[in-house]
Amino acid sequence: MTSPDILPNAQVRQYLLDRHQLRKPPLGTRLDQTLTRLNFVQVDSINTLARAHDLILWSRQQNYRPPALRKMVDHSRQPFEAWTHDASILPMAAFPHWRHKFIRDEK
C-alpha cells in the first residue's frame, strides 16, 4: 500500500485562496465570470452590514453592486437560483449537475 502524498500547509493555503479568488486583488471582471469561477454563491437574507452574498461578490469584484445579481438572475437568466443545501445562485453551466436533485425533490 502506498501512502498518500502529503501537501505542505502553505501549498494548500495558496490553492484554497486561489480557488476562492482571494489571493490576488479584485479584478474588474464581469459578474457572470465571477460567479462562474466561484461555482455558486450562497444567498443570505441576514443584513447586518450587508448581505453575505453581496460581500462575497464585492470582495472578488469591487465594481459589484447588489442589484446586478438580481438583474442577472431575473432578466438575463445566466445563473439560476435553487435550494441546493441552502439557498444559492449558481451559473447555468451547473444546472445539469443539479437536475437529478430537482427531479427527485419534485416527488
PDB file of N, CA and C in Angstrom:
ATOM      1  N   MET A   1       0.850  -1.175   0.000  1.00  0.00           N
ATOM      2  CA  MET A   1       0.000   0.000   0.000  1.00  0.00           C
ATOM      3  C   MET A   1       0.899   1.243   0.000  1.00  0.00           C
ATOM      4  N   THR A   2       0.608   2.172  -0.871  1.00  0.00           N
ATOM      5  CA  THR A   2       1.396   3.401  -0.910  1.00  0.00           C
ATOM      6  C   THR A   2       0.728   4.454  -0.048  1.00  0.00           C
ATOM      7  N   SER A   3       1.540   5.292   0.522  1.00  0.00           N
ATOM      8  CA  SER A   3       0.987   6.360   1.352  1.00  0.00           C
ATOM      9  C   SER A   3       0.558   7.525   0.459  1.00  0.00           C
ATOM     10  N   PRO A   4      -0.468   8.247   0.863  1.00  0.00           N
ATOM     11  CA  PRO A   4      -0.919   9.385   0.058  1.00  0.00           C
ATOM     12  C   PRO A   4       0.126  10.499   0.083  1.00  0.00           C
ATOM     13  N   ASP A   5       0.134  11.276  -0.968  1.00  0.00           N
ATOM     14  CA  ASP A   5       1.029  12.431  -0.994  1.00  0.00           C
ATOM     15  C   ASP A   5       0.603  13.407   0.091  1.00  0.00           C
ATOM     16  N   ILE A   6       1.569  13.996   0.708  1.00  0.00           N
ATOM     17  CA  ILE A   6       1.293  14.985   1.740  1.00  0.00           C
ATOM     18  C   ILE A   6       1.667  16.350   1.180  1.00  0.00           C
ATOM     19  N   LEU A   7       0.702  17.242   1.214  1.00  0.00           N
ATOM     20  CA  LEU A   7       0.936  18.597   0.720  1.00  0.00           C
ATOM     21  C   LEU A   7       1.259  19.510   1.894  1.00  0.00           C
ATOM     22  N   PRO A   8       2.226  20.373   1.708  1.00  0.00           N
ATOM     23  CA  PRO A   8       2.531  21.326   2.780  1.00  0.00           C
ATOM     24  C   PRO A   8       1.358  22.292   2.991  1.00  0.00           C
ATOM     25  N   ASN A   9       1.173  22.704   4.229  1.00  0.00           N
ATOM     26  CA  ASN A   9       0.086  23.634   4.551  1.00  0.00           C
ATOM     27  C   ASN A   9       0.124  24.885   3.685  1.00  0.00           C
ATOM     28  N   ALA A  10       1.305  25.421   3.445  1.00  0.00           N
ATOM     29  CA  ALA A  10       1.419  26.648   2.651  1.00  0.00           C
ATOM     30  C   ALA A  10       0.888  26.437   1.235  1.00  0.00           C
ATOM     31  N   GLN A  11       1.143  25.277   0.659  1.00  0.00           N
ATOM     32  CA  GLN A  11       0.666  24.983  -0.695  1.00  0.00           C
ATOM     33  C   GLN A  11      -0.863  24.842  -0.712  1.00  0.00           C
ATOM     34  N   VAL A  12      -1.403  24.177   0.269  1.00  0.00           N
ATOM     35  CA  VAL A  12      -2.857  24.018   0.364  1.00  0.00           C
ATOM     36  C   VAL A  12      -3.516  25.376   0.566  1.00  0.00           C
ATOM     37  N   ARG A  13      -2.927  26.188   1.431  1.00  0.00           N
ATOM     38  CA  ARG A  13      -3.461  27.528   1.688  1.00  0.00           C
ATOM     39  C   ARG A  13      -3.507  28.348   0.402  1.00  0.00           C
ATOM     40  N   GLN A  14      -2.423  28.325  -0.377  1.00  0.00           N
ATOM     41  CA  GLN A  14      -2.391  29.075  -1.631  1.00  0.00           C
ATOM     42  C   GLN A  14      -3.433  28.546  -2.622  1.00  0.00           C
ATOM     43  N   TYR A  15      -3.593  27.230  -2.679  1.00  0.00           N
ATOM     44  CA  TYR A  15      -4.600  26.635  -3.559  1.00  0.00           C
ATOM     45  C   TYR A  15      -6.001  27.120  -3.175  1.00  0.00           C
ATOM     46  N   LEU A  16      -6.328  27.071  -1.891  1.00  0.00           N
ATOM     47  CA  LEU A  16      -7.655  27.492  -1.444  1.00  0.00           C
ATOM     48  C   LEU A  16      -7.889  28.977  -1.691  1.00  0.00           C
ATOM     49  N   LEU A  17      -6.879  29.795  -1.428  1.00  0.00           N
ATOM     50  CA  LEU A  17      -7.027  31.222  -1.696  1.00  0.00           C
ATOM     51  C   LEU A  17      -7.225  31.487  -3.190  1.00  0.00           C
ATOM     52  N   ASP A  18      -6.475  30.776  -4.026  1.00  0.00           N
ATOM     53  CA  ASP A  18      -6.657  30.905  -5.479  1.00  0.00           C
ATOM     54  C   ASP A  18      -8.052  30.464  -5.890  1.00  0.00           C
ATOM     55  N   ARG A  19      -8.474  29.318  -5.392  1.00  0.00           N
ATOM     56  CA  ARG A  19      -9.761  28.738  -5.784  1.00  0.00           C
ATOM     57  C   ARG A  19     -10.932  29.625  -5.406  1.00  0.00           C
ATOM     58  N   HIS A  20     -10.797  30.336  -4.302  1.00  0.00           N
ATOM     59  CA  HIS A  20     -11.867  31.217  -3.836  1.00  0.00           C
ATOM     60  C   HIS A  20     -11.662  32.665  -4.273  1.00  0.00           C
ATOM     61  N   GLN A  21     -10.708  32.868  -5.172  1.00  0.00           N
ATOM     62  CA  GLN A  21     -10.424  34.182  -5.746  1.00  0.00           C
ATOM     63  C   GLN A  21     -10.061  35.221  -4.687  1.00  0.00           C
ATOM     64  N   LEU A  22      -9.281  34.812  -3.709  1.00  0.00           N
ATOM     65  CA  LEU A  22      -8.889  35.723  -2.641  1.00  0.00           C
ATOM     66  C   LEU A  22      -7.395  36.000  -2.598  1.00  0.00           C
ATOM     67  N   ARG A  23      -6.616  35.365  -3.442  1.00  0.00           N
ATOM     68  CA  ARG A  23      -5.164  35.537  -3.396  1.00  0.00           C
ATOM     69  C   ARG A  23      -4.710  36.813  -4.097  1.00  0.00           C
ATOM     70  N   LYS A  24      -5.365  37.139  -5.193  1.00  0.00           N
ATOM     71  CA  LYS A  24      -4.991  38.323  -5.969  1.00  0.00           C
ATOM     72  C   LYS A  24      -5.981  39.446  -5.688  1.00  0.00           C
ATOM     73  N   PRO A  25      -5.588  40.688  -5.947  1.00  0.00           N
ATOM     74  CA  PRO A  25      -6.525  41.797  -5.766  1.00  0.00           C
ATOM     75  C   PRO A  25      -7.754  41.610  -6.657  1.00  0.00           C
ATOM     76  N   PRO A  26      -8.907  42.142  -6.234  1.00  0.00           N
ATOM     77  CA  PRO A  26     -10.110  42.009  -7.043  1.00  0.00           C
ATOM     78  C   PRO A  26      -9.908  42.564  -8.448  1.00  0.00           C
ATOM     79  N   LEU A  27     -10.506  41.887  -9.400  1.00  0.00           N
ATOM     80  CA  LEU A  27     -10.419  42.313 -10.790  1.00  0.00           C
ATOM     81  C   LEU A  27     -11.728  42.958 -11.204  1.00  0.00           C
ATOM     82  N   GLY A  28     -11.693  43.713 -12.246  1.00  0.00           N
ATOM     83  CA  GLY A  28     -12.902  44.323 -12.779  1.00  0.00           C
ATOM     84  C   GLY A  28     -13.605  43.407 -13.749  1.00  0.00           C
ATOM     85  N   THR A  29     -13.679  42.111 -13.429  1.00  0.00           N
ATOM     86  CA  THR A  29     -14.320  41.155 -14.323  1.00  0.00           C
ATOM     87  C   THR A  29     -15.826  41.312 -14.271  1.00  0.00           C
ATOM     88  N   ARG A  30     -16.482  40.693 -15.212  1.00  0.00           N
ATOM     89  CA  ARG A  30     -17.939  40.721 -15.242  1.00  0.00           C
ATOM     90  C   ARG A  30     -18.481  39.826 -14.140  1.00  0.00           C
ATOM     91  N   LEU A  31     -19.664  40.166 -13.654  1.00  0.00           N
ATOM     92  CA  LEU A  31     -20.287  39.416 -12.576  1.00  0.00           C
ATOM     93  C   LEU A  31     -20.521  37.962 -12.960  1.00  0.00           C
ATOM     94  N   ASP A  32     -20.945  37.703 -14.187  1.00  0.00           N
ATOM     95  CA  ASP A  32     -21.180  36.316 -14.590  1.00  0.00           C
ATOM     96  C   ASP A  32     -19.887  35.514 -14.580  1.00  0.00           C
ATOM     97  N   GLN A  33     -18.760  36.138 -14.910  1.00  0.00           N
ATOM     98  CA  GLN A  33     -17.473  35.440 -14.864  1.00  0.00           C
ATOM     99  C   GLN A  33     -17.071  35.141 -13.415  1.00  0.00           C
ATOM    100  N   THR A  34     -17.311  36.085 -12.536  1.00  0.00           N
ATOM    101  CA  THR A  34     -17.002  35.879 -11.125  1.00  0.00           C
ATOM    102  C   THR A  34     -17.829  34.736 -10.563  1.00  0.00           C
ATOM    103  N   LEU A  35     -19.122  34.719 -10.870  1.00  0.00           N
ATOM    104  CA  LEU A  35     -19.993  33.652 -10.385  1.00  0.00           C
ATOM    105  C   LEU A  35     -19.574  32.303 -10.959  1.00  0.00           C
ATOM    106  N   THR A  36     -19.191  32.267 -12.217  1.00  0.00           N
ATOM    107  CA  THR A  36     -18.742  31.018 -12.830  1.00  0.00           C
ATOM    108  C   THR A  36     -17.479  30.502 -12.154  1.00  0.00           C
ATOM    109  N   ARG A  37     -16.549  31.385 -11.833  1.00  0.00           N
ATOM    110  CA  ARG A  37     -15.313  30.960 -11.170  1.00  0.00           C
ATOM    111  C   ARG A  37     -15.581  30.444  -9.756  1.00  0.00           C
ATOM    112  N   LEU A  38     -16.551  31.045  -9.072  1.00  0.00           N
ATOM    113  CA  LEU A  38     -16.882  30.602  -7.722  1.00  0.00           C
ATOM    114  C   LEU A  38     -17.741  29.336  -7.730  1.00  0.00           C
ATOM    115  N   ASN A  39     -18.475  29.107  -8.789  1.00  0.00           N
ATOM    116  CA  ASN A  39     -19.406  27.991  -8.968  1.00  0.00           C
ATOM    117  C   ASN A  39     -20.749  28.184  -8.287  1.00  0.00           C
ATOM    118  N   PHE A  40     -20.826  28.955  -7.256  1.00  0.00           N
ATOM    119  CA  PHE A  40     -22.102  29.292  -6.629  1.00  0.00           C
ATOM    120  C   PHE A  40     -21.847  30.357  -5.578  1.00  0.00           C
ATOM    121  N   VAL A  41     -22.907  31.011  -5.177  1.00  0.00           N
ATOM    122  CA  VAL A  41     -22.832  31.898  -4.028  1.00  0.00           C
ATOM    123  C   VAL A  41     -24.075  31.628  -3.193  1.00  0.00           C
ATOM    124  N   GLN A  42     -23.876  31.445  -1.903  1.00  0.00           N
ATOM    125  CA  GLN A  42     -24.995  31.177  -1.001  1.00  0.00           C
ATOM    126  C   GLN A  42     -25.734  32.481  -0.745  1.00  0.00           C
ATOM    127  N   VAL A  43     -27.036  32.462  -0.921  1.00  0.00           N
ATOM    128  CA  VAL A  43     -27.860  33.644  -0.695  1.00  0.00           C
ATOM    129  C   VAL A  43     -28.145  33.738   0.795  1.00  0.00           C
ATOM    130  N   ASP A  44     -27.881  34.880   1.355  1.00  0.00           N
ATOM    131  CA  ASP A  44     -28.054  35.075   2.789  1.00  0.00           C
ATOM    132  C   ASP A  44     -29.003  36.240   3.020  1.00  0.00           C
ATOM    133  N   SER A  45     -30.064  35.999   3.764  1.00  0.00           N
ATOM    134  CA  SER A  45     -31.059  37.049   3.993  1.00  0.00           C
ATOM    135  C   SER A  45     -30.698  37.970   5.152  1.00  0.00           C
ATOM    136  N   ILE A  46     -29.717  37.596   5.953  1.00  0.00           N
ATOM    137  CA  ILE A  46     -29.324  38.433   7.087  1.00  0.00           C
ATOM    138  C   ILE A  46     -28.561  39.648   6.576  1.00  0.00           C
ATOM    139  N   ASN A  47     -28.942  40.805   7.080  1.00  0.00           N
ATOM    140  CA  ASN A  47     -28.366  42.054   6.597  1.00  0.00           C
ATOM    141  C   ASN A  47     -27.918  42.892   7.796  1.00  0.00           C
ATOM    142  N   THR A  48     -26.731  42.591   8.325  1.00  0.00           N
ATOM    143  CA  THR A  48     -26.195  43.377   9.425  1.00  0.00           C
ATOM    144  C   THR A  48     -25.420  44.556   8.853  1.00  0.00           C
ATOM    145  N   LEU A  49     -24.356  44.269   8.161  1.00  0.00           N
ATOM    146  CA  LEU A  49     -23.609  45.286   7.435  1.00  0.00           C
ATOM    147  C   LEU A  49     -24.101  45.301   5.992  1.00  0.00           C
ATOM    148  N   ALA A  50     -24.126  44.120   5.418  1.00  0.00           N
ATOM    149  CA  ALA A  50     -24.670  43.881   4.077  1.00  0.00           C
ATOM    150  C   ALA A  50     -24.933  42.387   3.997  1.00  0.00           C
ATOM    151  N   ARG A  51     -25.715  41.981   3.029  1.00  0.00           N
ATOM    152  CA  ARG A  51     -25.993  40.555   2.888  1.00  0.00           C
ATOM    153  C   ARG A  51     -24.703  39.836   2.508  1.00  0.00           C
ATOM    154  N   ALA A  52     -24.505  38.646   3.082  1.00  0.00           N
ATOM    155  CA  ALA A  52     -23.234  37.928   2.936  1.00  0.00           C
ATOM    156  C   ALA A  52     -22.866  37.681   1.483  1.00  0.00           C
ATOM    157  N   HIS A  53     -23.833  37.297   0.653  1.00  0.00           N
ATOM    158  CA  HIS A  53     -23.505  37.032  -0.751  1.00  0.00           C
ATOM    159  C   HIS A  53     -23.060  38.307  -1.464  1.00  0.00           C
ATOM    160  N   ASP A  54     -23.593  39.465  -1.066  1.00  0.00           N
ATOM    161  CA  ASP A  54     -23.138  40.725  -1.651  1.00  0.00           C
ATOM    162  C   ASP A  54     -21.699  41.029  -1.229  1.00  0.00           C
ATOM    163  N   LEU A  55     -21.360  40.746   0.029  1.00  0.00           N
ATOM    164  CA  LEU A  55     -19.983  40.952   0.494  1.00  0.00           C
ATOM    165  C   LEU A  55     -19.018  40.012  -0.218  1.00  0.00           C
ATOM    166  N   ILE A  56     -19.437  38.751  -0.413  1.00  0.00           N
ATOM    167  CA  ILE A  56     -18.584  37.779  -1.110  1.00  0.00           C
ATOM    168  C   ILE A  56     -18.296  38.251  -2.525  1.00  0.00           C
ATOM    169  N   LEU A  57     -19.336  38.644  -3.250  1.00  0.00           N
ATOM    170  CA  LEU A  57     -19.144  39.078  -4.638  1.00  0.00           C
ATOM    171  C   LEU A  57     -18.358  40.392  -4.706  1.00  0.00           C
ATOM    172  N   TRP A  58     -18.617  41.321  -3.794  1.00  0.00           N
ATOM    173  CA  TRP A  58     -17.878  42.588  -3.802  1.00  0.00           C
ATOM    174  C   TRP A  58     -16.403  42.369  -3.491  1.00  0.00           C
ATOM    175  N   SER A  59     -16.093  41.421  -2.600  1.00  0.00           N
ATOM    176  CA  SER A  59     -14.683  41.191  -2.259  1.00  0.00           C
ATOM    177  C   SER A  59     -13.900  40.633  -3.440  1.00  0.00           C
ATOM    178  N   ARG A  60     -14.592  40.036  -4.403  1.00  0.00           N
ATOM    179  CA  ARG A  60     -13.928  39.492  -5.583  1.00  0.00           C
ATOM    180  C   ARG A  60     -14.024  40.427  -6.783  1.00  0.00           C
ATOM    181  N   GLN A  61     -14.956  41.353  -6.745  1.00  0.00           N
ATOM    182  CA  GLN A  61     -15.179  42.273  -7.864  1.00  0.00           C
ATOM    183  C   GLN A  61     -15.708  43.582  -7.285  1.00  0.00           C
ATOM    184  N   GLN A  62     -14.828  44.539  -7.063  1.00  0.00           N
ATOM    185  CA  GLN A  62     -15.222  45.724  -6.314  1.00  0.00           C
ATOM    186  C   GLN A  62     -16.117  46.692  -7.068  1.00  0.00           C
ATOM    187  N   ASN A  63     -16.389  46.432  -8.334  1.00  0.00           N
ATOM    188  CA  ASN A  63     -17.389  47.242  -9.024  1.00  0.00           C
ATOM    189  C   ASN A  63     -18.774  46.588  -8.938  1.00  0.00           C
ATOM    190  N   TYR A  64     -18.878  45.486  -8.172  1.00  0.00           N
ATOM    191  CA  TYR A  64     -20.152  44.788  -7.977  1.00  0.00           C
ATOM    192  C   TYR A  64     -21.115  45.667  -7.186  1.00  0.00           C
ATOM    193  N   ARG A  65     -22.370  45.669  -7.619  1.00  0.00           N
ATOM    194  CA  ARG A  65     -23.446  46.333  -6.891  1.00  0.00           C
ATOM    195  C   ARG A  65     -24.590  45.328  -6.757  1.00  0.00           C
ATOM    196  N   PRO A  66     -25.213  45.238  -5.581  1.00  0.00           N
ATOM    197  CA  PRO A  66     -26.236  44.225  -5.332  1.00  0.00           C
ATOM    198  C   PRO A  66     -27.336  44.104  -6.392  1.00  0.00           C
ATOM    199  N   PRO A  67     -27.872  45.183  -6.942  1.00  0.00           N
ATOM    200  CA  PRO A  67     -28.928  45.000  -7.953  1.00  0.00           C
ATOM    201  C   PRO A  67     -28.458  44.208  -9.187  1.00  0.00           C
ATOM    202  N   ALA A  68     -27.168  44.187  -9.436  1.00  0.00           N
ATOM    203  CA  ALA A  68     -26.654  43.479 -10.616  1.00  0.00           C
ATOM    204  C   ALA A  68     -26.924  41.978 -10.538  1.00  0.00           C
ATOM    205  N   LEU A  69     -26.815  41.393  -9.357  1.00  0.00           N
ATOM    206  CA  LEU A  69     -27.063  39.958  -9.208  1.00  0.00           C
ATOM    207  C   LEU A  69     -28.531  39.645  -9.452  1.00  0.00           C
ATOM    208  N   ARG A  70     -29.414  40.425  -8.865  1.00  0.00           N
ATOM    209  CA  ARG A  70     -30.851  40.204  -9.046  1.00  0.00           C
ATOM    210  C   ARG A  70     -31.225  40.350 -10.519  1.00  0.00           C
ATOM    211  N   LYS A  71     -30.663  41.358 -11.173  1.00  0.00           N
ATOM    212  CA  LYS A  71     -30.942  41.578 -12.594  1.00  0.00           C
ATOM    213  C   LYS A  71     -30.447  40.392 -13.423  1.00  0.00           C
ATOM    214  N   MET A  72     -29.277  39.893 -13.082  1.00  0.00           N
ATOM    215  CA  MET A  72     -28.698  38.774 -13.828  1.00  0.00           C
ATOM    216  C   MET A  72     -29.563  37.518 -13.661  1.00  0.00           C
ATOM    217  N   VAL A  73     -30.093  37.283 -12.466  1.00  0.00           N
ATOM    218  CA  VAL A  73     -30.926  36.104 -12.218  1.00  0.00           C
ATOM    219  C   VAL A  73     -32.311  36.277 -12.845  1.00  0.00           C
ATOM    220  N   ASP A  74     -32.928  37.436 -12.649  1.00  0.00           N
ATOM    221  CA  ASP A  74     -34.311  37.635 -13.062  1.00  0.00           C
ATOM    222  C   ASP A  74     -34.488  37.951 -14.541  1.00  0.00           C
ATOM    223  N   HIS A  75     -33.497  38.604 -15.154  1.00  0.00           N
ATOM    224  CA  HIS A  75     -33.691  39.071 -16.524  1.00  0.00           C
ATOM    225  C   HIS A  75     -32.838  38.345 -17.553  1.00  0.00           C
ATOM    226  N   SER A  76     -31.562  38.251 -17.319  1.00  0.00           N
ATOM    227  CA  SER A  76     -30.698  37.633 -18.336  1.00  0.00           C
ATOM    228  C   SER A  76     -30.695  36.111 -18.220  1.00  0.00           C
ATOM    229  N   ARG A  77     -31.092  35.589 -17.048  1.00  0.00           N
ATOM    230  CA  ARG A  77     -31.158  34.144 -16.807  1.00  0.00           C
ATOM    231  C   ARG A  77     -29.823  33.429 -17.024  1.00  0.00           C
ATOM    232  N   GLN A  78     -28.709  34.138 -16.803  1.00  0.00           N
ATOM    233  CA  GLN A  78     -27.395  33.486 -16.905  1.00  0.00           C
ATOM    234  C   GLN A  78     -27.181  32.528 -15.746  1.00  0.00           C
ATOM    235  N   PRO A  79     -27.479  32.939 -14.508  1.00  0.00           N
ATOM    236  CA  PRO A  79     -27.424  31.986 -13.398  1.00  0.00           C
ATOM    237  C   PRO A  79     -28.851  31.564 -13.040  1.00  0.00           C
ATOM    238  N   PHE A  80     -28.966  30.593 -12.147  1.00  0.00           N
ATOM    239  CA  PHE A  80     -30.275  30.205 -11.650  1.00  0.00           C
ATOM    240  C   PHE A  80     -30.226  30.136 -10.134  1.00  0.00           C
ATOM    241  N   GLU A  81     -31.367  30.321  -9.539  1.00  0.00           N
ATOM    242  CA  GLU A  81     -31.483  30.291  -8.091  1.00  0.00           C
ATOM    243  C   GLU A  81     -32.096  28.954  -7.708  1.00  0.00           C
ATOM    244  N   ALA A  82     -31.537  28.292  -6.707  1.00  0.00           N
ATOM    245  CA  ALA A  82     -32.040  26.986  -6.320  1.00  0.00           C
ATOM    246  C   ALA A  82     -31.741  26.718  -4.855  1.00  0.00           C
ATOM    247  N   TRP A  83     -32.451  25.740  -4.340  1.00  0.00           N
ATOM    248  CA  TRP A  83     -32.181  25.249  -2.998  1.00  0.00           C
ATOM    249  C   TRP A  83     -31.275  24.040  -3.160  1.00  0.00           C
ATOM    250  N   THR A  84     -29.980  24.220  -2.924  1.00  0.00           N
ATOM    251  CA  THR A  84     -29.023  23.111  -3.024  1.00  0.00           C
ATOM    252  C   THR A  84     -29.000  22.453  -1.646  1.00  0.00           C
ATOM    253  N   HIS A  85     -28.182  22.911  -0.746  1.00  0.00           N
ATOM    254  CA  HIS A  85     -28.301  22.564   0.673  1.00  0.00           C
ATOM    255  C   HIS A  85     -28.662  23.822   1.439  1.00  0.00           C
ATOM    256  N   ASP A  86     -28.714  24.910   0.691  1.00  0.00           N
ATOM    257  CA  ASP A  86     -29.108  26.220   1.177  1.00  0.00           C
ATOM    258  C   ASP A  86     -29.577  27.001  -0.047  1.00  0.00           C
ATOM    259  N   ALA A  87     -30.098  28.176   0.148  1.00  0.00           N
ATOM    260  CA  ALA A  87     -30.480  28.998  -0.992  1.00  0.00           C
ATOM    261  C   ALA A  87     -29.208  29.476  -1.687  1.00  0.00           C
ATOM    262  N   SER A  88     -29.118  29.221  -2.989  1.00  0.00           N
ATOM    263  CA  SER A  88     -27.901  29.536  -3.731  1.00  0.00           C
ATOM    264  C   SER A  88     -28.221  30.082  -5.101  1.00  0.00           C
ATOM    265  N   ILE A  89     -27.268  30.802  -5.640  1.00  0.00           N
ATOM    266  CA  ILE A  89     -27.312  31.232  -7.029  1.00  0.00           C
ATOM    267  C   ILE A  89     -26.114  30.585  -7.701  1.00  0.00           C
ATOM    268  N   LEU A  90     -26.399  29.880  -8.800  1.00  0.00           N
ATOM    269  CA  LEU A  90     -25.379  29.086  -9.488  1.00  0.00           C
ATOM    270  C   LEU A  90     -25.342  29.460 -10.959  1.00  0.00           C
ATOM    271  N   PRO A  91     -24.182  29.325 -11.588  1.00  0.00           N
ATOM    272  CA  PRO A  91     -24.130  29.568 -13.033  1.00  0.00           C
ATOM    273  C   PRO A  91     -24.926  28.497 -13.776  1.00  0.00           C
ATOM    274  N   MET A  92     -25.528  28.857 -14.894  1.00  0.00           N
ATOM    275  CA  MET A  92     -26.355  27.922 -15.656  1.00  0.00           C
ATOM    276  C   MET A  92     -25.577  26.664 -16.047  1.00  0.00           C
ATOM    277  N   ALA A  93     -24.283  26.759 -16.204  1.00  0.00           N
ATOM    278  CA  ALA A  93     -23.464  25.594 -16.553  1.00  0.00           C
ATOM    279  C   ALA A  93     -23.537  24.508 -15.473  1.00  0.00           C
ATOM    280  N   ALA A  94     -23.902  24.862 -14.257  1.00  0.00           N
ATOM    281  CA  ALA A  94     -24.002  23.889 -13.176  1.00  0.00           C
ATOM    282  C   ALA A  94     -25.349  23.171 -13.165  1.00  0.00           C
ATOM    283  N   PHE A  95     -26.320  23.646 -13.934  1.00  0.00           N
ATOM    284  CA  PHE A  95     -27.665  23.068 -13.891  1.00  0.00           C
ATOM    285  C   PHE A  95     -27.690  21.559 -14.139  1.00  0.00           C
ATOM    286  N   PRO A  96     -26.983  21.037 -15.158  1.00  0.00           N
ATOM    287  CA  PRO A  96     -27.029  19.589 -15.375  1.00  0.00           C
ATOM    288  C   PRO A  96     -26.575  18.773 -14.160  1.00  0.00           C
ATOM    289  N   HIS A  97     -25.690  19.320 -13.355  1.00  0.00           N
ATOM    290  CA  HIS A  97     -25.192  18.609 -12.180  1.00  0.00           C
ATOM    291  C   HIS A  97     -26.213  18.578 -11.043  1.00  0.00           C
ATOM    292  N   TRP A  98     -27.179  19.490 -11.064  1.00  0.00           N
ATOM    293  CA  TRP A  98     -28.186  19.573 -10.010  1.00  0.00           C
ATOM    294  C   TRP A  98     -29.556  19.055 -10.463  1.00  0.00           C
ATOM    295  N   ARG A  99     -29.715  18.827 -11.757  1.00  0.00           N
ATOM    296  CA  ARG A  99     -31.023  18.450 -12.305  1.00  0.00           C
ATOM    297  C   ARG A  99     -31.601  17.214 -11.601  1.00  0.00           C
ATOM    298  N   HIS A 100     -30.778  16.200 -11.345  1.00  0.00           N
ATOM    299  CA  HIS A 100     -31.275  14.989 -10.684  1.00  0.00           C
ATOM    300  C   HIS A 100     -31.877  15.285  -9.316  1.00  0.00           C
ATOM    301  N   LYS A 101     -31.287  16.225  -8.581  1.00  0.00           N
ATOM    302  CA  LYS A 101     -31.815  16.600  -7.273  1.00  0.00           C
ATOM    303  C   LYS A 101     -33.156  17.305  -7.415  1.00  0.00           C
ATOM    304  N   PHE A 102     -33.272  18.174  -8.391  1.00  0.00           N
ATOM    305  CA  PHE A 102     -34.527  18.910  -8.591  1.00  0.00           C
ATOM    306  C   PHE A 102     -35.650  17.938  -8.966  1.00  0.00           C
ATOM    307  N   ILE A 103     -35.335  16.959  -9.811  1.00  0.00           N
ATOM    308  CA  ILE A 103     -36.332  15.959 -10.202  1.00  0.00           C
ATOM    309  C   ILE A 103     -36.737  15.125  -8.985  1.00  0.00           C
ATOM    310  N   ARG A 104     -35.744  14.697  -8.218  1.00  0.00           N
ATOM    311  CA  ARG A 104     -36.016  13.904  -7.004  1.00  0.00           C
ATOM    312  C   ARG A 104     -36.869  14.683  -6.013  1.00  0.00           C
ATOM    313  N   ASP A 105     -36.600  15.972  -5.864  1.00  0.00           N
ATOM    314  CA  ASP A 105     -37.324  16.793  -4.891  1.00  0.00           C
ATOM    315  C   ASP A 105     -38.754  17.087  -5.315  1.00  0.00           C
ATOM    316  N   GLU A 106     -39.069  16.939  -6.599  1.00  0.00           N
ATOM    317  CA  GLU A 106     -40.443  17.161  -7.079  1.00  0.00           C
ATOM    318  C   GLU A 106     -41.392  16.093  -6.555  1.00  0.00           C
ATOM    319  N   LYS A 107     -40.885  14.916  -6.264  1.00  0.00           N
ATOM    320  CA  LYS A 107     -41.742  13.779  -5.882  1.00  0.00           C
ATOM    321  C   LYS A 107     -42.168  13.843  -4.441  1.00  0.00           C
TER     322      LYS A 107
END
